[in-house]
Full PDB file with SEQRES, HELIX, SHEET, SSBOND, CRYST1, ORIGX, SCALE, CONECT and MASTER records, all heavy atoms in Angstrom:
SEQRES   1 A   30  ALA VAL SER SER ASP GLY VAL ARG GLU ALA VAL ASN LYS          
SEQRES   2 A   30  ALA PHE ALA VAL PHE GLU GLY TYR TYR ALA ARG ILE VAL          
SEQRES   3 A   30  GLU ASP LEU ALA                                              
HELIX    1 AA1 ASP A    5  LEU A   29  1                                  25    
CRYST1    1.000    1.000    1.000  90.00  90.00  90.00 P 1           1          
ORIGX1      1.000000  0.000000  0.000000        0.00000                         
ORIGX2      0.000000  1.000000  0.000000        0.00000                         
ORIGX3      0.000000  0.000000  1.000000        0.00000                         
SCALE1      1.000000  0.000000  0.000000        0.00000                         
SCALE2      0.000000  1.000000  0.000000        0.00000                         
SCALE3      0.000000  0.000000  1.000000        0.00000                         
ATOM      1  N   ALA A   1      34.963   3.640  -0.686  1.00  0.00           N  
ATOM      2  CA  ALA A   1      33.845   3.354   0.220  1.00  0.00           C  
ATOM      3  C   ALA A   1      33.999   2.055   0.996  1.00  0.00           C  
ATOM      4  O   ALA A   1      33.626   1.980   2.166  1.00  0.00           O  
ATOM      5  CB  ALA A   1      32.523   3.341  -0.548  1.00  0.00           C  
ATOM      6  N   VAL A   2      34.536   1.025   0.377  1.00  0.00           N  
ATOM      7  CA  VAL A   2      34.658  -0.256   1.074  1.00  0.00           C  
ATOM      8  C   VAL A   2      35.988  -0.419   1.797  1.00  0.00           C  
ATOM      9  O   VAL A   2      36.122  -1.295   2.648  1.00  0.00           O  
ATOM     10  CB  VAL A   2      34.425  -1.464   0.130  1.00  0.00           C  
ATOM     11  CG1 VAL A   2      33.013  -1.456  -0.419  1.00  0.00           C  
ATOM     12  CG2 VAL A   2      35.439  -1.486  -0.996  1.00  0.00           C  
ATOM     13  N   SER A   3      36.968   0.435   1.491  1.00  0.00           N  
ATOM     14  CA  SER A   3      38.274   0.276   2.129  1.00  0.00           C  
ATOM     15  C   SER A   3      38.591   1.334   3.176  1.00  0.00           C  
ATOM     16  O   SER A   3      39.541   1.175   3.937  1.00  0.00           O  
ATOM     17  CB  SER A   3      39.383   0.258   1.073  1.00  0.00           C  
ATOM     18  OG  SER A   3      39.419   1.480   0.372  1.00  0.00           O  
ATOM     19  N   SER A   4      37.811   2.407   3.225  1.00  0.00           N  
ATOM     20  CA  SER A   4      38.087   3.470   4.189  1.00  0.00           C  
ATOM     21  C   SER A   4      36.799   4.018   4.776  1.00  0.00           C  
ATOM     22  O   SER A   4      36.105   4.816   4.140  1.00  0.00           O  
ATOM     23  CB  SER A   4      38.873   4.609   3.531  1.00  0.00           C  
ATOM     24  OG  SER A   4      38.996   5.696   4.437  1.00  0.00           O  
ATOM     25  N   ASP A   5      36.513   3.595   5.996  1.00  0.00           N  
ATOM     26  CA  ASP A   5      35.341   4.143   6.685  1.00  0.00           C  
ATOM     27  C   ASP A   5      35.486   5.652   6.875  1.00  0.00           C  
ATOM     28  O   ASP A   5      34.511   6.390   6.792  1.00  0.00           O  
ATOM     29  CB  ASP A   5      35.146   3.474   8.043  1.00  0.00           C  
ATOM     30  CG  ASP A   5      34.658   2.044   7.933  1.00  0.00           C  
ATOM     31  OD1 ASP A   5      34.117   1.674   6.870  1.00  0.00           O  
ATOM     32  OD2 ASP A   5      34.818   1.289   8.918  1.00  0.00           O  
ATOM     33  N   GLY A   6      36.712   6.111   7.113  1.00  0.00           N  
ATOM     34  CA  GLY A   6      36.935   7.541   7.328  1.00  0.00           C  
ATOM     35  C   GLY A   6      36.574   8.377   6.120  1.00  0.00           C  
ATOM     36  O   GLY A   6      35.929   9.422   6.248  1.00  0.00           O  
ATOM     37  N   VAL A   7      36.986   7.927   4.945  1.00  0.00           N  
ATOM     38  CA  VAL A   7      36.647   8.666   3.723  1.00  0.00           C  
ATOM     39  C   VAL A   7      35.152   8.586   3.464  1.00  0.00           C  
ATOM     40  O   VAL A   7      34.512   9.596   3.152  1.00  0.00           O  
ATOM     41  CB  VAL A   7      37.458   8.145   2.511  1.00  0.00           C  
ATOM     42  CG1 VAL A   7      36.908   8.711   1.201  1.00  0.00           C  
ATOM     43  CG2 VAL A   7      38.930   8.492   2.662  1.00  0.00           C  
ATOM     44  N   ARG A   8      34.592   7.405   3.609  1.00  0.00           N  
ATOM     45  CA  ARG A   8      33.144   7.239   3.386  1.00  0.00           C  
ATOM     46  C   ARG A   8      32.356   8.164   4.311  1.00  0.00           C  
ATOM     47  O   ARG A   8      31.426   8.859   3.889  1.00  0.00           O  
ATOM     48  CB  ARG A   8      32.742   5.785   3.603  1.00  0.00           C  
ATOM     49  CG  ARG A   8      31.274   5.486   3.298  1.00  0.00           C  
ATOM     50  CD  ARG A   8      30.931   4.009   3.506  1.00  0.00           C  
ATOM     51  NE  ARG A   8      31.492   3.433   4.716  1.00  0.00           N  
ATOM     52  CZ  ARG A   8      31.019   3.659   5.950  1.00  0.00           C  
ATOM     53  NH1 ARG A   8      29.976   4.431   6.125  1.00  0.00           N  
ATOM     54  NH2 ARG A   8      31.595   3.093   6.989  1.00  0.00           N  
ATOM     55  N   GLU A   9      32.741   8.210   5.576  1.00  0.00           N  
ATOM     56  CA  GLU A   9      32.050   9.079   6.541  1.00  0.00           C  
ATOM     57  C   GLU A   9      32.235  10.552   6.207  1.00  0.00           C  
ATOM     58  O   GLU A   9      31.293  11.349   6.337  1.00  0.00           O  
ATOM     59  CB  GLU A   9      32.542   8.768   7.952  1.00  0.00           C  
ATOM     60  CG  GLU A   9      32.078   7.411   8.459  1.00  0.00           C  
ATOM     61  CD  GLU A   9      32.818   6.940   9.712  1.00  0.00           C  
ATOM     62  OE1 GLU A   9      33.633   7.719  10.272  1.00  0.00           O  
ATOM     63  OE2 GLU A   9      32.587   5.781  10.112  1.00  0.00           O  
ATOM     64  N   ALA A  10      33.430  10.938   5.763  1.00  0.00           N  
ATOM     65  CA  ALA A  10      33.667  12.338   5.401  1.00  0.00           C  
ATOM     66  C   ALA A  10      32.826  12.751   4.196  1.00  0.00           C  
ATOM     67  O   ALA A  10      32.276  13.858   4.165  1.00  0.00           O  
ATOM     68  CB  ALA A  10      35.160  12.552   5.112  1.00  0.00           C  
ATOM     69  N   VAL A  11      32.704  11.859   3.219  1.00  0.00           N  
ATOM     70  CA  VAL A  11      31.882  12.158   2.037  1.00  0.00           C  
ATOM     71  C   VAL A  11      30.416  12.262   2.437  1.00  0.00           C  
ATOM     72  O   VAL A  11      29.706  13.187   2.021  1.00  0.00           O  
ATOM     73  CB  VAL A  11      32.098  11.100   0.931  1.00  0.00           C  
ATOM     74  CG1 VAL A  11      31.063  11.239  -0.178  1.00  0.00           C  
ATOM     75  CG2 VAL A  11      33.510  11.206   0.366  1.00  0.00           C  
ATOM     76  N   ASN A  12      29.952  11.341   3.269  1.00  0.00           N  
ATOM     77  CA  ASN A  12      28.557  11.411   3.721  1.00  0.00           C  
ATOM     78  C   ASN A  12      28.293  12.677   4.525  1.00  0.00           C  
ATOM     79  O   ASN A  12      27.208  13.260   4.438  1.00  0.00           O  
ATOM     80  CB  ASN A  12      28.189  10.162   4.519  1.00  0.00           C  
ATOM     81  CG  ASN A  12      27.949   8.968   3.621  1.00  0.00           C  
ATOM     82  OD1 ASN A  12      27.497   9.111   2.494  1.00  0.00           O  
ATOM     83  ND2 ASN A  12      28.265   7.783   4.106  1.00  0.00           N  
ATOM     84  N   LYS A  13      29.265  13.119   5.304  1.00  0.00           N  
ATOM     85  CA  LYS A  13      29.128  14.378   6.044  1.00  0.00           C  
ATOM     86  C   LYS A  13      28.965  15.544   5.070  1.00  0.00           C  
ATOM     87  O   LYS A  13      28.121  16.418   5.270  1.00  0.00           O  
ATOM     88  CB  LYS A  13      30.338  14.607   6.943  1.00  0.00           C  
ATOM     89  CG  LYS A  13      30.298  15.932   7.664  1.00  0.00           C  
ATOM     90  CD  LYS A  13      31.555  16.196   8.471  1.00  0.00           C  
ATOM     91  CE  LYS A  13      31.493  17.601   9.054  1.00  0.00           C  
ATOM     92  NZ  LYS A  13      32.750  17.985   9.696  1.00  0.00           N  
ATOM     93  N   ALA A  14      29.774  15.548   4.006  1.00  0.00           N  
ATOM     94  CA  ALA A  14      29.665  16.614   3.001  1.00  0.00           C  
ATOM     95  C   ALA A  14      28.273  16.613   2.375  1.00  0.00           C  
ATOM     96  O   ALA A  14      27.635  17.665   2.252  1.00  0.00           O  
ATOM     97  CB  ALA A  14      30.742  16.443   1.929  1.00  0.00           C  
ATOM     98  N   PHE A  15      27.798  15.431   2.002  1.00  0.00           N  
ATOM     99  CA  PHE A  15      26.458  15.356   1.406  1.00  0.00           C  
ATOM    100  C   PHE A  15      25.398  15.858   2.380  1.00  0.00           C  
ATOM    101  O   PHE A  15      24.445  16.530   1.980  1.00  0.00           O  
ATOM    102  CB  PHE A  15      26.145  13.938   0.952  1.00  0.00           C  
ATOM    103  CG  PHE A  15      26.942  13.473  -0.238  1.00  0.00           C  
ATOM    104  CD1 PHE A  15      27.081  12.122  -0.497  1.00  0.00           C  
ATOM    105  CD2 PHE A  15      27.549  14.362  -1.104  1.00  0.00           C  
ATOM    106  CE1 PHE A  15      27.808  11.667  -1.588  1.00  0.00           C  
ATOM    107  CE2 PHE A  15      28.287  13.933  -2.204  1.00  0.00           C  
ATOM    108  CZ  PHE A  15      28.417  12.582  -2.441  1.00  0.00           C  
ATOM    109  N   ALA A  16      25.541  15.551   3.660  1.00  0.00           N  
ATOM    110  CA  ALA A  16      24.570  16.014   4.662  1.00  0.00           C  
ATOM    111  C   ALA A  16      24.566  17.543   4.746  1.00  0.00           C  
ATOM    112  O   ALA A  16      23.499  18.162   4.884  1.00  0.00           O  
ATOM    113  CB  ALA A  16      24.875  15.396   6.020  1.00  0.00           C  
ATOM    114  N   VAL A  17      25.740  18.160   4.654  1.00  0.00           N  
ATOM    115  CA  VAL A  17      25.806  19.622   4.665  1.00  0.00           C  
ATOM    116  C   VAL A  17      25.083  20.187   3.447  1.00  0.00           C  
ATOM    117  O   VAL A  17      24.269  21.111   3.556  1.00  0.00           O  
ATOM    118  CB  VAL A  17      27.273  20.107   4.716  1.00  0.00           C  
ATOM    119  CG1 VAL A  17      27.374  21.614   4.460  1.00  0.00           C  
ATOM    120  CG2 VAL A  17      27.901  19.751   6.065  1.00  0.00           C  
ATOM    121  N   PHE A  18      25.355  19.620   2.274  1.00  0.00           N  
ATOM    122  CA  PHE A  18      24.704  20.109   1.059  1.00  0.00           C  
ATOM    123  C   PHE A  18      23.189  19.902   1.136  1.00  0.00           C  
ATOM    124  O   PHE A  18      22.415  20.760   0.714  1.00  0.00           O  
ATOM    125  CB  PHE A  18      25.268  19.411  -0.179  1.00  0.00           C  
ATOM    126  CG  PHE A  18      26.762  19.540  -0.340  1.00  0.00           C  
ATOM    127  CD1 PHE A  18      27.483  18.565  -1.010  1.00  0.00           C  
ATOM    128  CD2 PHE A  18      27.465  20.618   0.176  1.00  0.00           C  
ATOM    129  CE1 PHE A  18      28.852  18.666  -1.176  1.00  0.00           C  
ATOM    130  CE2 PHE A  18      28.841  20.741   0.029  1.00  0.00           C  
ATOM    131  CZ  PHE A  18      29.538  19.748  -0.642  1.00  0.00           C  
ATOM    132  N   GLU A  19      22.775  18.771   1.682  1.00  0.00           N  
ATOM    133  CA  GLU A  19      21.348  18.497   1.812  1.00  0.00           C  
ATOM    134  C   GLU A  19      20.657  19.519   2.707  1.00  0.00           C  
ATOM    135  O   GLU A  19      19.480  19.834   2.508  1.00  0.00           O  
ATOM    136  CB  GLU A  19      21.121  17.076   2.327  1.00  0.00           C  
ATOM    137  CG  GLU A  19      21.402  16.024   1.274  1.00  0.00           C  
ATOM    138  CD  GLU A  19      21.343  14.600   1.794  1.00  0.00           C  
ATOM    139  OE1 GLU A  19      20.768  14.369   2.883  1.00  0.00           O  
ATOM    140  OE2 GLU A  19      21.873  13.697   1.102  1.00  0.00           O  
ATOM    141  N   GLY A  20      21.372  20.072   3.670  1.00  0.00           N  
ATOM    142  CA  GLY A  20      20.801  21.128   4.498  1.00  0.00           C  
ATOM    143  C   GLY A  20      20.402  22.339   3.668  1.00  0.00           C  
ATOM    144  O   GLY A  20      19.344  22.947   3.900  1.00  0.00           O  
ATOM    145  N   TYR A  21      21.215  22.683   2.703  1.00  0.00           N  
ATOM    146  CA  TYR A  21      20.877  23.806   1.813  1.00  0.00           C  
ATOM    147  C   TYR A  21      19.698  23.448   0.917  1.00  0.00           C  
ATOM    148  O   TYR A  21      18.793  24.264   0.707  1.00  0.00           O  
ATOM    149  CB  TYR A  21      22.093  24.203   0.964  1.00  0.00           C  
ATOM    150  CG  TYR A  21      23.157  24.899   1.778  1.00  0.00           C  
ATOM    151  CD1 TYR A  21      24.204  24.177   2.340  1.00  0.00           C  
ATOM    152  CD2 TYR A  21      23.114  26.278   1.995  1.00  0.00           C  
ATOM    153  CE1 TYR A  21      25.185  24.807   3.095  1.00  0.00           C  
ATOM    154  CE2 TYR A  21      24.080  26.920   2.746  1.00  0.00           C  
ATOM    155  CZ  TYR A  21      25.117  26.172   3.295  1.00  0.00           C  
ATOM    156  OH  TYR A  21      26.076  26.816   4.045  1.00  0.00           O  
ATOM    157  N   TYR A  22      19.716  22.241   0.387  1.00  0.00           N  
ATOM    158  CA  TYR A  22      18.580  21.815  -0.448  1.00  0.00           C  
ATOM    159  C   TYR A  22      17.291  21.786   0.361  1.00  0.00           C  
ATOM    160  O   TYR A  22      16.218  22.137  -0.149  1.00  0.00           O  
ATOM    161  CB  TYR A  22      18.851  20.448  -1.071  1.00  0.00           C  
ATOM    162  CG  TYR A  22      19.917  20.445  -2.136  1.00  0.00           C  
ATOM    163  CD1 TYR A  22      20.986  19.553  -2.074  1.00  0.00           C  
ATOM    164  CD2 TYR A  22      19.871  21.322  -3.222  1.00  0.00           C  
ATOM    165  CE1 TYR A  22      21.977  19.531  -3.055  1.00  0.00           C  
ATOM    166  CE2 TYR A  22      20.859  21.309  -4.202  1.00  0.00           C  
ATOM    167  CZ  TYR A  22      21.901  20.413  -4.113  1.00  0.00           C  
ATOM    168  OH  TYR A  22      22.876  20.391  -5.083  1.00  0.00           O  
ATOM    169  N   ALA A  23      17.362  21.390   1.625  1.00  0.00           N  
ATOM    170  CA  ALA A  23      16.163  21.365   2.480  1.00  0.00           C  
ATOM    171  C   ALA A  23      15.602  22.774   2.646  1.00  0.00           C  
ATOM    172  O   ALA A  23      14.374  22.959   2.627  1.00  0.00           O  
ATOM    173  CB  ALA A  23      16.489  20.744   3.835  1.00  0.00           C  
ATOM    174  N   ARG A  24      16.469  23.760   2.771  1.00  0.00           N  
ATOM    175  CA  ARG A  24      15.988  25.143   2.885  1.00  0.00           C  
ATOM    176  C   ARG A  24      15.286  25.581   1.605  1.00  0.00           C  
ATOM    177  O   ARG A  24      14.262  26.273   1.652  1.00  0.00           O  
ATOM    178  CB  ARG A  24      17.149  26.078   3.212  1.00  0.00           C  
ATOM    179  CG  ARG A  24      17.604  25.938   4.656  1.00  0.00           C  
ATOM    180  CD  ARG A  24      18.795  26.792   5.008  1.00  0.00           C  
ATOM    181  NE  ARG A  24      18.637  28.193   4.668  1.00  0.00           N  
ATOM    182  CZ  ARG A  24      19.665  29.043   4.597  1.00  0.00           C  
ATOM    183  NH1 ARG A  24      20.891  28.629   4.825  1.00  0.00           N  
ATOM    184  NH2 ARG A  24      19.452  30.299   4.290  1.00  0.00           N  
ATOM    185  N   ILE A  25      15.817  25.159   0.464  1.00  0.00           N  
ATOM    186  CA  ILE A  25      15.165  25.474  -0.809  1.00  0.00           C  
ATOM    187  C   ILE A  25      13.782  24.841  -0.848  1.00  0.00           C  
ATOM    188  O   ILE A  25      12.791  25.492  -1.210  1.00  0.00           O  
ATOM    189  CB  ILE A  25      16.039  24.994  -1.997  1.00  0.00           C  
ATOM    190  CG1 ILE A  25      17.284  25.878  -2.118  1.00  0.00           C  
ATOM    191  CG2 ILE A  25      15.239  24.968  -3.300  1.00  0.00           C  
ATOM    192  CD1 ILE A  25      18.323  25.379  -3.098  1.00  0.00           C  
ATOM    193  N   VAL A  26      13.696  23.578  -0.470  1.00  0.00           N  
ATOM    194  CA  VAL A  26      12.416  22.863  -0.468  1.00  0.00           C  
ATOM    195  C   VAL A  26      11.430  23.526   0.494  1.00  0.00           C  
ATOM    196  O   VAL A  26      10.252  23.744   0.151  1.00  0.00           O  
ATOM    197  CB  VAL A  26      12.630  21.378  -0.089  1.00  0.00           C  
ATOM    198  CG1 VAL A  26      11.310  20.691   0.196  1.00  0.00           C  
ATOM    199  CG2 VAL A  26      13.399  20.656  -1.191  1.00  0.00           C  
ATOM    200  N   GLU A  27      11.880  23.851   1.685  1.00  0.00           N  
ATOM    201  CA  GLU A  27      10.998  24.487   2.674  1.00  0.00           C  
ATOM    202  C   GLU A  27      10.482  25.834   2.177  1.00  0.00           C  
ATOM    203  O   GLU A  27       9.299  26.163   2.360  1.00  0.00           O  
ATOM    204  CB  GLU A  27      11.744  24.648   4.001  1.00  0.00           C  
ATOM    205  CG  GLU A  27      11.999  23.326   4.705  1.00  0.00           C  
ATOM    206  CD  GLU A  27      13.085  23.386   5.765  1.00  0.00           C  
ATOM    207  OE1 GLU A  27      13.700  24.468   5.961  1.00  0.00           O  
ATOM    208  OE2 GLU A  27      13.336  22.338   6.401  1.00  0.00           O  
ATOM    209  N   ASP A  28      11.359  26.608   1.533  1.00  0.00           N  
ATOM    210  CA  ASP A  28      10.930  27.905   1.007  1.00  0.00           C  
ATOM    211  C   ASP A  28       9.941  27.737  -0.149  1.00  0.00           C  
ATOM    212  O   ASP A  28       8.987  28.513  -0.277  1.00  0.00           O  
ATOM    213  CB  ASP A  28      12.138  28.728   0.551  1.00  0.00           C  
ATOM    214  CG  ASP A  28      12.992  29.207   1.723  1.00  0.00           C  
ATOM    215  OD1 ASP A  28      12.530  29.124   2.886  1.00  0.00           O  
ATOM    216  OD2 ASP A  28      14.133  29.662   1.471  1.00  0.00           O  
ATOM    217  N   LEU A  29      10.163  26.726  -0.984  1.00  0.00           N  
ATOM    218  CA  LEU A  29       9.198  26.460  -2.060  1.00  0.00           C  
ATOM    219  C   LEU A  29       7.855  26.018  -1.493  1.00  0.00           C  
ATOM    220  O   LEU A  29       6.803  26.428  -1.989  1.00  0.00           O  
ATOM    221  CB  LEU A  29       9.742  25.388  -3.008  1.00  0.00           C  
ATOM    222  CG  LEU A  29      10.783  25.841  -4.015  1.00  0.00           C  
ATOM    223  CD1 LEU A  29      11.356  24.649  -4.754  1.00  0.00           C  
ATOM    224  CD2 LEU A  29      10.189  26.849  -4.997  1.00  0.00           C  
ATOM    225  N   ALA A  30       7.897  25.182  -0.467  1.00  0.00           N  
ATOM    226  CA  ALA A  30       6.648  24.736   0.164  1.00  0.00           C  
ATOM    227  C   ALA A  30       5.900  25.929   0.755  1.00  0.00           C  
ATOM    228  O   ALA A  30       4.678  26.045   0.593  1.00  0.00           O  
ATOM    229  CB  ALA A  30       6.947  23.694   1.234  1.00  0.00           C  
TER     230      ALA A  30                                                      
MASTER        0    0    0    1    0    0    0    6  229    1    0    3          
END                                                                             
């Protein structure tokens, strides 16, 4: 995380994709 902005950004992108699925779960529960 502190030595490679590229890796940090790629990991955050992955988390954002996964969060999209979790958001759909939350919206459907709501």
